[in-house]
C-alpha atoms as a PDB file:
ATOM      1  CA  MET A   1       0.000   0.000   0.000  1.00  0.00           C
ATOM      2  CA  LYS A   2       2.075   2.888  -1.360  1.00  0.00           C
ATOM      3  CA  ASN A   3      -0.323   5.581  -0.121  1.00  0.00           C
ATOM      4  CA  SER A   4      -0.406   4.482   3.492  1.00  0.00           C
ATOM      5  CA  ALA A   5      -0.051   7.982   4.920  1.00  0.00           C
ATOM      6  CA  ALA A   6      -2.873   9.292   2.770  1.00  0.00           C
ATOM      7  CA  MET A   7      -5.116   6.432   3.804  1.00  0.00           C
ATOM      8  CA  VAL A   8      -4.402   7.119   7.466  1.00  0.00           C
ATOM      9  CA  LEU A   9      -5.315  10.790   6.999  1.00  0.00           C
ATOM     10  CA  CYS A  10      -8.459   9.794   5.174  1.00  0.00           C
ATOM     11  CA  ALA A  11      -9.418   7.397   7.955  1.00  0.00           C
ATOM     12  CA  SER A  12      -8.752  10.122  10.523  1.00  0.00           C
ATOM     13  CA  ALA A  13     -11.041  12.495   8.655  1.00  0.00           C
ATOM     14  CA  LEU A  14     -13.799   9.909   8.602  1.00  0.00           C
ATOM     15  CA  LEU A  15     -13.413   9.400  12.320  1.00  0.00           C
ATOM     16  CA  ALA A  16     -13.552  13.122  13.009  1.00  0.00           C
ATOM     17  CA  ALA A  17     -16.676  13.454  10.888  1.00  0.00           C
ATOM     18  CA  GLY A  18     -18.412  10.766  12.856  1.00  0.00           C
ATOM     19  CA  CYS A  19     -18.820   8.459   9.849  1.00  0.00           C
ATOM     20  CA  TYR A  20     -16.841   5.686  11.498  1.00  0.00           C
ATOM     21  CA  MET A  21     -17.700   6.007  15.172  1.00  0.00           C
ATOM     22  CA  ASP A  22     -19.538   2.706  15.440  1.00  0.00           C
ATOM     23  CA  ARG A  23     -16.352   0.890  14.432  1.00  0.00           C
ATOM     24  CA  LEU A  24     -13.940   2.518  16.878  1.00  0.00           C
ATOM     25  CA  THR A  25     -12.161   0.033  19.104  1.00  0.00           C
ATOM     26  CA  GLY A  26     -13.376   1.672  22.288  1.00  0.00           C
ATOM     27  CA  ASN A  27     -17.033   1.628  21.224  1.00  0.00           C
ATOM     28  CA  TYR A  28     -17.636  -2.078  21.341  1.00  0.00           C
ATOM     29  CA  ASP A  29     -17.588  -4.381  24.339  1.00  0.00           C
ATOM     30  CA  SER A  30     -14.066  -4.961  25.665  1.00  0.00           C
ATOM     31  CA  VAL A  31     -14.707  -8.715  25.642  1.00  0.00           C
ATOM     32  CA  PHE A  32     -15.181  -8.691  21.853  1.00  0.00           C
ATOM     33  CA  GLU A  33     -13.404 -11.702  20.364  1.00  0.00           C
ATOM     34  CA  ILE A  34     -11.981 -11.940  16.865  1.00  0.00           C
ATOM     35  CA  ASN A  35     -14.765 -13.524  14.836  1.00  0.00           C
ATOM     36  CA  ASN A  36     -13.976 -14.601  11.311  1.00  0.00           C
ATOM     37  CA  ASN A  37     -17.654 -15.324  10.630  1.00  0.00           C
ATOM     38  CA  ALA A  38     -18.969 -11.819  11.308  1.00  0.00           C
ATOM     39  CA  ASP A  39     -20.103  -9.896   8.220  1.00  0.00           C
ATOM     40  CA  ASP A  40     -17.872  -6.941   9.071  1.00  0.00           C
ATOM     41  CA  SER A  41     -14.883  -8.925  10.321  1.00  0.00           C
ATOM     42  CA  ALA A  42     -11.469  -7.764   9.116  1.00  0.00           C
ATOM     43  CA  VAL A  43     -10.062 -11.260   9.714  1.00  0.00           C
ATOM     44  CA  LEU A  44      -9.525 -13.056   6.412  1.00  0.00           C
ATOM     45  CA  GLU A  45      -7.947 -16.280   7.674  1.00  0.00           C
ATOM     46  CA  GLU A  46      -7.091 -18.090  10.902  1.00  0.00           C
ATOM     47  CA  SER A  47      -4.397 -20.654  11.603  1.00  0.00           C
ATOM     48  CA  GLY A  48      -2.875 -22.533  14.509  1.00  0.00           C
ATOM     49  CA  ARG A  49      -4.047 -24.280  17.673  1.00  0.00           C
ATOM     50  CA  ASP A  50      -5.693 -27.040  15.681  1.00  0.00           C
ATOM     51  CA  GLU A  51      -5.250 -30.802  15.770  1.00  0.00           C
ATOM     52  CA  GLU A  52      -2.656 -30.706  12.997  1.00  0.00           C
ATOM     53  CA  THR A  53      -0.582 -28.183  14.946  1.00  0.00           C
ATOM     54  CA  ARG A  54      -0.843 -30.258  18.123  1.00  0.00           C
ATOM     55  CA  ARG A  55       0.337 -33.395  16.295  1.00  0.00           C
ATOM     56  CA  ARG A  56       3.198 -31.513  14.642  1.00  0.00           C
ATOM     57  CA  ASN A  57       4.364 -30.112  18.001  1.00  0.00           C
ATOM     58  CA  GLU A  58       4.169 -33.512  19.677  1.00  0.00           C
ATOM     59  CA  LYS A  59       6.121 -35.107  16.837  1.00  0.00           C
ATOM     60  CA  ARG A  60       8.819 -32.442  17.154  1.00  0.00           C
ATOM     61  CA  LEU A  61       9.156 -33.071  20.899  1.00  0.00           C
ATOM     62  CA  GLN A  62       9.416 -36.813  20.269  1.00  0.00           C
ATOM     63  CA  GLU A  63      12.192 -36.144  17.738  1.00  0.00           C
ATOM     64  CA  ILE A  64      14.034 -34.042  20.328  1.00  0.00           C
ATOM     65  CA  ALA A  65      13.671 -36.783  22.956  1.00  0.00           C
ATOM     66  CA  ALA A  66      15.033 -39.377  20.517  1.00  0.00           C
ATOM     67  CA  GLU A  67      18.079 -37.358  19.490  1.00  0.00           C
ATOM     68  CA  GLU A  68      21.392 -38.965  20.339  1.00  0.00           C
ATOM     69  CA  GLU A  69      23.605 -37.257  22.870  1.00  0.00           C
ATOM     70  CA  PRO A  70      25.991 -35.026  20.886  1.00  0.00           C
ATOM     71  CA  VAL A  71      29.655 -35.997  21.026  1.00  0.00           C
ATOM     72  CA  TYR A  72      31.320 -33.753  23.572  1.00  0.00           C
ATOM     73  CA  LYS A  73      33.895 -31.317  22.279  1.00  0.00           C
ATOM     74  CA  MET A  74      36.344 -29.618  24.610  1.00  0.00           C
ATOM     75  CA  ASN A  75      36.311 -25.859  24.914  1.00  0.00           C
ATOM     76  CA  ALA A  76      37.898 -22.931  26.711  1.00  0.00           C
ATOM     77  CA  GLY A  77      37.611 -23.167  30.489  1.00  0.00           C
ATOM     78  CA  ASP A  78      37.374 -26.967  30.677  1.00  0.00           C
ATOM     79  CA  LYS A  79      39.661 -28.561  33.259  1.00  0.00           C
ATOM     80  CA  ILE A  80      41.336 -31.691  31.894  1.00  0.00           C
ATOM     81  CA  GLU A  81      43.831 -34.353  32.946  1.00  0.00           C
ATOM     82  CA  ILE A  82      46.310 -35.688  30.385  1.00  0.00           C
ATOM     83  CA  ARG A  83      48.168 -38.949  30.974  1.00  0.00           C
ATOM     84  CA  VAL A  84      50.892 -40.626  28.896  1.00  0.00           C
ATOM     85  CA  TYR A  85      51.183 -44.341  29.713  1.00  0.00           C
ATOM     86  CA  ASP A  86      54.542 -45.225  31.346  1.00  0.00           C
ATOM     87  CA  HIS A  87      55.535 -41.546  31.336  1.00  0.00           C
ATOM     88  CA  PRO A  88      54.103 -39.973  34.504  1.00  0.00           C
ATOM     89  CA  ASP A  89      56.452 -37.010  34.079  1.00  0.00           C
ATOM     90  CA  LEU A  90      54.474 -35.976  31.012  1.00  0.00           C
ATOM     91  CA  GLY A  91      51.120 -36.112  32.767  1.00  0.00           C
ATOM     92  CA  MET A  92      49.420 -32.870  33.702  1.00  0.00           C
ATOM     93  CA  THR A  93      46.207 -31.287  34.940  1.00  0.00           C
ATOM     94  CA  THR A  94      45.316 -27.988  33.334  1.00  0.00           C
ATOM     95  CA  LYS A  95      42.547 -25.737  32.098  1.00  0.00           C
ATOM     96  CA  ILE A  96      42.097 -25.007  28.436  1.00  0.00           C
ATOM     97  CA  GLY A  97      42.889 -21.332  27.988  1.00  0.00           C
ATOM     98  CA  PRO A  98      40.543 -18.643  26.646  1.00  0.00           C
ATOM     99  CA  ASP A  99      42.254 -19.046  23.272  1.00  0.00           C
ATOM    100  CA  GLY A 100      41.454 -22.778  23.238  1.00  0.00           C
ATOM    101  CA  MET A 101      45.101 -23.755  23.767  1.00  0.00           C
ATOM    102  CA  ILE A 102      47.180 -25.617  26.340  1.00  0.00           C
ATOM    103  CA  GLY A 103      50.948 -25.912  26.696  1.00  0.00           C
ATOM    104  CA  PHE A 104      52.373 -29.449  26.439  1.00  0.00           C
ATOM    105  CA  ALA A 105      55.886 -30.917  26.561  1.00  0.00           C
ATOM    106  CA  TYR A 106      57.670 -31.264  23.214  1.00  0.00           C
ATOM    107  CA  MET A 107      54.744 -29.568  21.416  1.00  0.00           C
ATOM    108  CA  GLY A 108      54.449 -26.079  22.823  1.00  0.00           C
ATOM    109  CA  GLN A 109      50.953 -24.669  22.368  1.00  0.00           C
ATOM    110  CA  VAL A 110      48.284 -27.214  21.352  1.00  0.00           C
ATOM    111  CA  ARG A 111      44.752 -26.290  20.340  1.00  0.00           C
ATOM    112  CA  LEU A 112      42.211 -28.579  22.022  1.00  0.00           C
ATOM    113  CA  SER A 113      39.148 -26.352  21.773  1.00  0.00           C
ATOM    114  CA  GLY A 114      36.679 -27.948  19.377  1.00  0.00           C
ATOM    115  CA  SER A 115      38.314 -31.390  19.615  1.00  0.00           C
ATOM    116  CA  THR A 116      36.603 -34.494  20.956  1.00  0.00           C
ATOM    117  CA  ILE A 117      38.373 -36.348  23.746  1.00  0.00           C
ATOM    118  CA  ALA A 118      39.531 -39.011  21.283  1.00  0.00           C
ATOM    119  CA  SER A 119      40.745 -36.570  18.630  1.00  0.00           C
ATOM    120  CA  GLY A 120      42.487 -34.409  21.254  1.00  0.00           C
ATOM    121  CA  ALA A 121      44.349 -37.428  22.638  1.00  0.00           C
ATOM    122  CA  GLU A 122      45.366 -38.417  19.112  1.00  0.00           C
ATOM    123  CA  LYS A 123      46.625 -34.903  18.413  1.00  0.00           C
ATOM    124  CA  ILE A 124      48.908 -35.064  21.455  1.00  0.00           C
ATOM    125  CA  ARG A 125      50.000 -38.623  20.693  1.00  0.00           C
ATOM    126  CA  ALA A 126      51.025 -37.651  17.159  1.00  0.00           C
ATOM    127  CA  GLY A 127      52.827 -34.559  18.445  1.00  0.00           C
ATOM    128  CA  ILE A 128      55.040 -36.403  20.935  1.00  0.00           C
ATOM    129  CA  ALA A 129      55.563 -39.549  18.826  1.00  0.00           C
ATOM    130  CA  PRO A 130      58.927 -38.302  17.462  1.00  0.00           C
ATOM    131  CA  TYR A 131      60.197 -38.011  21.051  1.00  0.00           C
ATOM    132  CA  VAL A 132      58.410 -40.810  22.932  1.00  0.00           C
ATOM    133  CA  LYS A 133      58.375 -44.414  21.728  1.00  0.00           C
ATOM    134  CA  ASN A 134      54.847 -45.732  21.027  1.00  0.00           C
ATOM    135  CA  PRO A 135      53.063 -43.197  23.258  1.00  0.00           C
ATOM    136  CA  VAL A 136      49.590 -43.973  24.619  1.00  0.00           C
ATOM    137  CA  VAL A 137      47.691 -40.822  25.570  1.00  0.00           C
ATOM    138  CA  SER A 138      44.435 -40.380  27.466  1.00  0.00           C
ATOM    139  CA  ILE A 139      42.420 -37.269  28.329  1.00  0.00           C
ATOM    140  CA  THR A 140      39.920 -37.073  31.186  1.00  0.00           C
ATOM    141  CA  ILE A 141      37.478 -34.177  31.624  1.00  0.00           C
ATOM    142  CA  LEU A 142      37.553 -33.075  35.268  1.00  0.00           C
ATOM    143  CA  GLU A 143      35.386 -29.944  35.084  1.00  0.00           C
ATOM    144  CA  VAL A 144      33.206 -28.663  32.288  1.00  0.00           C
ATOM    145  CA  GLU A 145      32.917 -24.899  32.005  1.00  0.00           C
ATOM    146  CA  SER A 146      31.943 -24.651  28.341  1.00  0.00           C
ATOM    147  CA  GLU A 147      28.601 -26.487  28.511  1.00  0.00           C
ATOM    148  CA  THR A 148      26.297 -23.643  29.449  1.00  0.00           C
ATOM    149  CA  ALA A 149      22.732 -22.494  28.892  1.00  0.00           C
ATOM    150  CA  THR A 150      21.107 -19.131  29.554  1.00  0.00           C
ATOM    151  CA  ILE A 151      17.891 -18.396  31.413  1.00  0.00           C
ATOM    152  CA  ALA A 152      16.519 -14.858  31.550  1.00  0.00           C
ATOM    153  CA  GLY A 153      13.357 -12.969  32.377  1.00  0.00           C
ATOM    154  CA  ALA A 154      11.116 -13.379  35.407  1.00  0.00           C
ATOM    155  CA  CYS A 155      13.281 -15.733  37.457  1.00  0.00           C
ATOM    156  CA  SER A 156      15.048 -14.967  40.742  1.00  0.00           C
ATOM    157  CA  LYS A 157      18.628 -15.442  39.494  1.00  0.00           C
ATOM    158  CA  PRO A 158      18.774 -15.089  35.703  1.00  0.00           C
ATOM    159  CA  GLY A 159      22.120 -15.856  34.120  1.00  0.00           C
ATOM    160  CA  VAL A 160      24.359 -18.399  32.422  1.00  0.00           C
ATOM    161  CA  PHE A 161      24.571 -21.811  34.104  1.00  0.00           C
ATOM    162  CA  ASN A 162      26.781 -24.848  33.662  1.00  0.00           C
ATOM    163  CA  ILE A 163      24.796 -27.874  32.532  1.00  0.00           C
ATOM    164  CA  SER A 164      25.358 -31.611  32.247  1.00  0.00           C
ATOM    165  CA  ASN A 165      23.798 -34.361  30.162  1.00  0.00           C
ATOM    166  CA  SER A 166      21.143 -34.854  32.834  1.00  0.00           C
ATOM    167  CA  THR A 167      20.062 -31.209  33.151  1.00  0.00           C
ATOM    168  CA  ARG A 168      16.422 -30.723  32.175  1.00  0.00           C
ATOM    169  CA  LEU A 169      14.300 -27.606  31.792  1.00  0.00           C
ATOM    170  CA  ALA A 170      12.880 -27.846  35.326  1.00  0.00           C
ATOM    171  CA  ASP A 171      16.437 -28.212  36.685  1.00  0.00           C
ATOM    172  CA  LEU A 172      17.603 -25.059  34.909  1.00  0.00           C
ATOM    173  CA  TYR A 173      14.559 -23.186  36.212  1.00  0.00           C
ATOM    174  CA  ALA A 174      15.432 -24.338  39.738  1.00  0.00           C
ATOM    175  CA  MET A 175      19.077 -23.244  39.269  1.00  0.00           C
ATOM    176  CA  ALA A 176      17.764 -19.782  38.461  1.00  0.00           C
ATOM    177  CA  GLY A 177      15.801 -19.695  41.713  1.00  0.00           C
ATOM    178  CA  SER A 178      12.419 -20.347  40.068  1.00  0.00           C
ATOM    179  CA  SER A 179       9.967 -17.464  39.778  1.00  0.00           C
ATOM    180  CA  ALA A 180      10.961 -13.972  40.835  1.00  0.00           C
ATOM    181  CA  GLU A 181       8.658 -12.195  43.267  1.00  0.00           C
ATOM    182  CA  ARG A 182       7.315  -8.678  43.336  1.00  0.00           C
ATOM    183  CA  LEU A 183       5.427  -6.736  45.978  1.00  0.00           C
ATOM    184  CA  PHE A 184       1.828  -6.305  44.843  1.00  0.00           C
ATOM    185  CA  ASN A 185      -0.801  -4.751  47.128  1.00  0.00           C
ATOM    186  CA  GLY A 186       1.435  -5.495  50.106  1.00  0.00           C
ATOM    187  CA  VAL A 187       1.898  -9.164  49.196  1.00  0.00           C
ATOM    188  CA  ASP A 188       4.874 -10.895  47.536  1.00  0.00           C
ATOM    189  CA  VAL A 189       3.593 -12.668  44.415  1.00  0.00           C
ATOM    190  CA  ASP A 190       5.265 -14.854  41.796  1.00  0.00           C
ATOM    191  CA  ILE A 191       5.582 -12.984  38.526  1.00  0.00           C
ATOM    192  CA  ALA A 192       6.634 -15.820  36.187  1.00  0.00           C
ATOM    193  CA  ASP A 193       4.215 -16.493  33.338  1.00  0.00           C
ATOM    194  CA  LEU A 194       5.034 -20.095  32.420  1.00  0.00           C
ATOM    195  CA  GLU A 195       2.301 -20.242  29.795  1.00  0.00           C
ATOM    196  CA  HIS A 196       4.050 -17.659  27.621  1.00  0.00           C
ATOM    197  CA  SER A 197       7.667 -18.611  28.380  1.00  0.00           C
ATOM    198  CA  ILE A 198       9.870 -19.933  25.569  1.00  0.00           C
ATOM    199  CA  ILE A 199      13.015 -21.955  24.946  1.00  0.00           C
ATOM    200  CA  VAL A 200      15.115 -21.225  21.869  1.00  0.00           C
ATOM    201  CA  ARG A 201      17.580 -23.729  20.410  1.00  0.00           C
ATOM    202  CA  LYS A 202      19.672 -22.824  17.372  1.00  0.00           C
ATOM    203  CA  GLY A 203      17.118 -20.259  16.247  1.00  0.00           C
ATOM    204  CA  GLU A 204      14.089 -22.511  16.756  1.00  0.00           C
ATOM    205  CA  ILE A 205      11.430 -21.925  19.397  1.00  0.00           C
ATOM    206  CA  LEU A 206      10.738 -25.419  20.702  1.00  0.00           C
ATOM    207  CA  PRO A 207       7.056 -26.340  21.251  1.00  0.00           C
ATOM    208  CA  VAL A 208       7.511 -26.872  24.989  1.00  0.00           C
ATOM    209  CA  ASN A 209       4.676 -26.480  27.494  1.00  0.00           C
ATOM    210  CA  PHE A 210       6.434 -24.952  30.509  1.00  0.00           C
ATOM    211  CA  ILE A 211       3.535 -25.688  32.843  1.00  0.00           C
ATOM    212  CA  ALA A 212       3.644 -29.390  31.949  1.00  0.00           C
ATOM    213  CA  ALA A 213       7.444 -29.433  32.187  1.00  0.00           C
ATOM    214  CA  ILE A 214       7.885 -27.586  35.482  1.00  0.00           C
ATOM    215  CA  ASN A 215       4.673 -28.169  37.416  1.00  0.00           C
ATOM    216  CA  THR A 216       3.970 -31.789  36.442  1.00  0.00           C
ATOM    217  CA  GLY A 217       7.378 -33.052  35.279  1.00  0.00           C
ATOM    218  CA  ASP A 218       6.057 -34.287  31.922  1.00  0.00           C
ATOM    219  CA  LYS A 219       9.223 -35.733  30.339  1.00  0.00           C
ATOM    220  CA  LEU A 220       8.096 -34.975  26.790  1.00  0.00           C
ATOM    221  CA  HIS A 221       8.076 -31.263  27.660  1.00  0.00           C
ATOM    222  CA  ASN A 222      10.711 -31.315  30.425  1.00  0.00           C
ATOM    223  CA  ILE A 223      13.387 -31.668  27.773  1.00  0.00           C
ATOM    224  CA  ARG A 224      17.127 -32.061  28.280  1.00  0.00           C
ATOM    225  CA  ILE A 225      18.913 -28.739  28.100  1.00  0.00           C
ATOM    226  CA  ARG A 226      21.642 -28.487  25.471  1.00  0.00           C
ATOM    227  CA  ARG A 227      24.632 -26.212  25.177  1.00  0.00           C
ATOM    228  CA  GLY A 228      23.616 -22.772  23.945  1.00  0.00           C
ATOM    229  CA  ASP A 229      19.911 -23.086  24.813  1.00  0.00           C
ATOM    230  CA  TYR A 230      18.191 -19.809  25.690  1.00  0.00           C
ATOM    231  CA  VAL A 231      15.229 -19.901  28.076  1.00  0.00           C
ATOM    232  CA  PHE A 232      13.096 -16.808  28.560  1.00  0.00           C
ATOM    233  CA  ILE A 233      10.630 -16.749  31.471  1.00  0.00           C
ATOM    234  CA  ALA A 234       7.816 -14.366  30.636  1.00  0.00           C
ATOM    235  CA  GLN A 235       6.472 -11.923  33.218  1.00  0.00           C
ATOM    236  CA  ARG A 236       2.755 -12.185  33.860  1.00  0.00           C
ATOM    237  CA  MET A 237       2.412  -8.762  35.462  1.00  0.00           C
ATOM    238  CA  GLU A 238       3.656  -6.869  32.408  1.00  0.00           C
ATOM    239  CA  SER A 239       0.647  -6.273  30.150  1.00  0.00           C
ATOM    240  CA  SER A 240       2.021  -5.399  26.741  1.00  0.00           C
ATOM    241  CA  VAL A 241       1.518  -5.593  22.991  1.00  0.00           C
ATOM    242  CA  THR A 242       4.421  -6.103  20.582  1.00  0.00           C
ATOM    243  CA  ILE A 243       4.477  -4.676  17.064  1.00  0.00           C
ATOM    244  CA  CYS A 244       7.213  -5.640  14.628  1.00  0.00           C
ATOM    245  CA  GLY A 245       8.044  -6.381  11.020  1.00  0.00           C
ATOM    246  CA  GLU A 246       7.637  -3.782   8.277  1.00  0.00           C
ATOM    247  CA  VAL A 247       6.765  -0.819  10.498  1.00  0.00           C
ATOM    248  CA  LYS A 248       8.764   2.344  11.040  1.00  0.00           C
ATOM    249  CA  HIS A 249       9.183   1.946  14.808  1.00  0.00           C
ATOM    250  CA  PRO A 250       9.008  -1.697  15.974  1.00  0.00           C
ATOM    251  CA  HIS A 251       8.470  -1.746  19.729  1.00  0.00           C
ATOM    252  CA  LYS A 252       6.715  -3.262  22.713  1.00  0.00           C
ATOM    253  CA  ARG A 253       4.131  -1.025  24.363  1.00  0.00           C
ATOM    254  CA  LEU A 254       1.959  -1.140  27.446  1.00  0.00           C
ATOM    255  CA  TYR A 255      -1.429  -2.708  26.839  1.00  0.00           C
ATOM    256  CA  GLU A 256      -4.468  -0.577  27.535  1.00  0.00           C
ATOM    257  CA  PRO A 257      -8.088  -1.816  27.499  1.00  0.00           C
ATOM    258  CA  GLY A 258      -9.729  -0.880  24.215  1.00  0.00           C
ATOM    259  CA  MET A 259      -6.433  -0.812  22.303  1.00  0.00           C
ATOM    260  CA  GLY A 260      -7.019  -1.549  18.620  1.00  0.00           C
ATOM    261  CA  LEU A 261      -4.962  -2.552  15.598  1.00  0.00           C
ATOM    262  CA  ILE A 262      -5.138   0.777  13.742  1.00  0.00           C
ATOM    263  CA  GLU A 263      -4.066   2.803  16.791  1.00  0.00           C
ATOM    264  CA  THR A 264      -1.161   0.423  17.377  1.00  0.00           C
ATOM    265  CA  LEU A 265       0.012   0.654  13.760  1.00  0.00           C
ATOM    266  CA  THR A 266      -0.208   4.453  13.967  1.00  0.00           C
ATOM    267  CA  ALA A 267       1.860   4.498  17.178  1.00  0.00           C
ATOM    268  CA  ALA A 268       4.529   2.502  15.331  1.00  0.00           C
ATOM    269  CA  GLY A 269       4.771   5.182  12.629  1.00  0.00           C
ATOM    270  CA  TRP A 270       2.595   3.093  10.285  1.00  0.00           C
ATOM    271  CA  MET A 271       3.746   0.442   7.836  1.00  0.00           C
ATOM    272  CA  GLN A 272       6.719   0.633   5.485  1.00  0.00           C
ATOM    273  CA  ASP A 273       6.104   0.788   1.736  1.00  0.00           C
ATOM    274  CA  THR A 274       7.550  -2.724   1.501  1.00  0.00           C
ATOM    275  CA  HIS A 275       4.816  -4.273   3.661  1.00  0.00           C
ATOM    276  CA  TRP A 276       2.424  -6.987   2.556  1.00  0.00           C
ATOM    277  CA  GLN A 277      -1.195  -5.859   2.217  1.00  0.00           C
ATOM    278  CA  HIS A 278      -2.312  -7.849   5.285  1.00  0.00           C
ATOM    279  CA  VAL A 279      -1.227  -7.838   8.933  1.00  0.00           C
ATOM    280  CA  ILE A 280      -0.836 -10.891  11.173  1.00  0.00           C
ATOM    281  CA  ILE A 281      -2.012 -10.888  14.800  1.00  0.00           C
ATOM    282  CA  ILE A 282      -0.360 -13.606  16.905  1.00  0.00           C
ATOM    283  CA  ARG A 283      -2.272 -14.463  20.064  1.00  0.00           C
ATOM    284  CA  ASP A 284      -1.728 -16.750  23.093  1.00  0.00           C
ATOM    285  CA  GLY A 285       2.071 -16.987  23.021  1.00  0.00           C
ATOM    286  CA  LEU A 286       4.619 -18.393  20.597  1.00  0.00           C
ATOM    287  CA  VAL A 287       4.551 -22.068  21.567  1.00  0.00           C
ATOM    288  CA  ASN A 288       0.992 -22.762  20.475  1.00  0.00           C
ATOM    289  CA  PRO A 289      -0.271 -19.506  18.956  1.00  0.00           C
ATOM    290  CA  LYS A 290      -3.487 -18.569  17.245  1.00  0.00           C
ATOM    291  CA  MET A 291      -2.841 -16.404  14.186  1.00  0.00           C
ATOM    292  CA  TYR A 292      -5.157 -14.055  12.341  1.00  0.00           C
ATOM    293  CA  LYS A 293      -4.629 -12.477   8.923  1.00  0.00           C
ATOM    294  CA  VAL A 294      -6.255  -9.028   9.013  1.00  0.00           C
ATOM    295  CA  ASP A 295      -7.472  -6.810   6.154  1.00  0.00           C
ATOM    296  CA  VAL A 296      -6.159  -3.370   7.155  1.00  0.00           C
ATOM    297  CA  ASP A 297      -7.368  -1.749   3.919  1.00  0.00           C
ATOM    298  CA  GLY A 298     -10.875  -2.945   4.705  1.00  0.00           C
ATOM    299  CA  ILE A 299     -10.758  -1.305   8.131  1.00  0.00           C
ATOM    300  CA  LEU A 300      -9.464   1.978   6.717  1.00  0.00           C
ATOM    301  CA  ALA A 301     -12.181   1.939   4.035  1.00  0.00           C
ATOM    302  CA  GLY A 302     -14.848   1.512   6.718  1.00  0.00           C
ATOM    303  CA  LYS A 303     -15.902  -1.911   5.444  1.00  0.00           C
ATOM    304  CA  CYS A 304     -14.657  -3.809   8.516  1.00  0.00           C
ATOM    305  CA  ARG A 305     -14.446  -3.215  12.240  1.00  0.00           C
ATOM    306  CA  ASN A 306     -11.128  -2.298  13.780  1.00  0.00           C
ATOM    307  CA  VAL A 307      -9.718  -5.345  15.586  1.00  0.00           C
ATOM    308  CA  ALA A 308      -9.456  -5.173  19.371  1.00  0.00           C
ATOM    309  CA  LEU A 309      -6.128  -6.348  20.728  1.00  0.00           C
ATOM    310  CA  LYS A 310      -5.452  -8.327  23.899  1.00  0.00           C
ATOM    311  CA  SER A 311      -2.591  -8.197  26.352  1.00  0.00           C
ATOM    312  CA  GLY A 312       0.252 -10.312  24.994  1.00  0.00           C
ATOM    313  CA  ASP A 313      -0.757  -9.938  21.333  1.00  0.00           C
ATOM    314  CA  ILE A 314       1.956  -9.637  18.695  1.00  0.00           C
ATOM    315  CA  VAL A 315       1.171  -7.499  15.663  1.00  0.00           C
ATOM    316  CA  TYR A 316       3.415  -8.666  12.821  1.00  0.00           C
ATOM    317  CA  VAL A 317       3.608  -6.822   9.495  1.00  0.00           C
ATOM    318  CA  PRO A 318       5.120  -9.163   6.862  1.00  0.00           C
ATOM    319  CA  LYS A 319       7.189  -8.053   3.901  1.00  0.00           C
ATOM    320  CA  ASP A 320       5.843  -8.522   0.378  1.00  0.00           C
ATOM    321  CA  ASN A 321       3.127 -10.895  -0.751  1.00  0.00           C
ATOM    322  CA  LEU A 322       2.930 -14.408   0.671  1.00  0.00           C
ATOM    323  CA  SER A 323       1.474 -16.979  -1.692  1.00  0.00           C
ATOM    324  CA  GLU A 324       0.939 -19.704   0.896  1.00  0.00           C
ATOM    325  CA  TYR A 325      -0.279 -18.478   4.254  1.00  0.00           C
ATOM    326  CA  ASN A 326       0.141 -21.848   6.003  1.00  0.00           C
ATOM    327  CA  VAL A 327       3.780 -22.037   4.903  1.00  0.00           C
ATOM    328  CA  PHE A 328       4.298 -18.535   6.256  1.00  0.00           C
ATOM    329  CA  VAL A 329       2.795 -19.499   9.618  1.00  0.00           C
ATOM    330  CA  ARG A 330       5.204 -22.419  10.013  1.00  0.00           C
ATOM    331  CA  LYS A 331       8.252 -20.329   9.091  1.00  0.00           C
ATOM    332  CA  LEU A 332       7.317 -17.091  10.811  1.00  0.00           C
ATOM    333  CA  LEU A 333       8.757 -17.803  14.249  1.00  0.00           C
ATOM    334  CA  PRO A 334      11.153 -16.785  15.453  1.00  0.00           C
ATOM    335  CA  THR A 335      12.566 -13.765  13.658  1.00  0.00           C
ATOM    336  CA  ALA A 336      15.449 -11.934  15.293  1.00  0.00           C
ATOM    337  CA  GLN A 337      13.491  -8.671  15.525  1.00  0.00           C
ATOM    338  CA  LEU A 338      10.493 -10.367  17.119  1.00  0.00           C
ATOM    339  CA  PHE A 339      12.583 -12.337  19.598  1.00  0.00           C
ATOM    340  CA  ASN A 340      14.580  -9.268  20.657  1.00  0.00           C
ATOM    341  CA  LEU A 341      11.413  -7.272  21.244  1.00  0.00           C
ATOM    342  CA  LEU A 342       9.717 -10.024  23.224  1.00  0.00           C
ATOM    343  CA  THR A 343      12.678 -10.368  25.567  1.00  0.00           C
ATOM    344  CA  SER A 344      13.036  -6.609  26.044  1.00  0.00           C
ATOM    345  CA  ARG A 345      11.267  -4.241  28.394  1.00  0.00           C
ATOM    346  CA  VAL A 346       8.347  -2.065  27.358  1.00  0.00           C
ATOM    347  CA  SER A 347       9.811   0.763  25.282  1.00  0.00           C
ATOM    348  CA  ALA A 348       9.389   4.498  25.417  1.00  0.00           C
ATOM    349  CA  PHE A 349       6.863   4.227  22.613  1.00  0.00           C
ATOM    350  CA  SER A 350       4.431   2.786  25.165  1.00  0.00           C
ATOM    351  CA  SER A 351       3.485   6.320  26.189  1.00  0.00           C
ATOM    352  CA  ASN A 352       2.447   7.333  22.674  1.00  0.00           C
END
């Protein structure tokens, strides 16, 4: 929509003239739900939270549970013991340096970072072979400092924690002191929102139900934590709406009752010229979301009602036309911009 600014001005004029008052967000009941069947609904298509999605999520979790334990590779900070059979004078206990190197007799500096235990032992064996007859080398890991995962958000002690092969999601949550507390009406209350919390692994948001994992210990959801995992515990007392994608000012703003889609787009400086003609509203979190494709042009033309937003909604403005909506839904999450906004605090734009 190349004439977005003009359309906004036109819509504003209609509002001022009273021609559009019955469609203003604040003029219908605050409990209004998105209804794709209504004659004046701006929602063109819905997706998610169906049986197919549930089966796909369960299959993904089963694949994760069945994955073989990755072969451990040494890294900076690991404490190791090296032994050379029949040559105790060559044995040593040391930590791999920040540069991934150790110093070893006859070899000088040896890079062990990124090597498996077997390949590291072979590297040392080959290096001392010209000086030691038929050397047999072994490496033992004494302390692991490189296997870490991060947990942030509404937990008591967010940070980076060392993990082992047996560390599960509930264990990491416990390491972080579980839910943080905040004084509310004179009472300390837990602020963690497990329903909307997420775990990200190599750019993928895993379909984990935190309530099932942490409160009931469901092993399918209480997955093993892997190196590099990022867990974000949502905060249930922060009512907000996130707007991102092809808008001029992506941000997260405080939610206010009666907040609508058009007002939120306007607060974000409106859509870029590169935007697709429709907007996506993502509701009920990222793990098992409900998604709505909304006809913004129809709202501006007065043909459809403005869509009321809810606390926690994500307004996503895609780029360019999308030929297959269902494919888009599967590939939408996560984007770097969206993830960064979700894990940030409410921005200054919230006062607009």
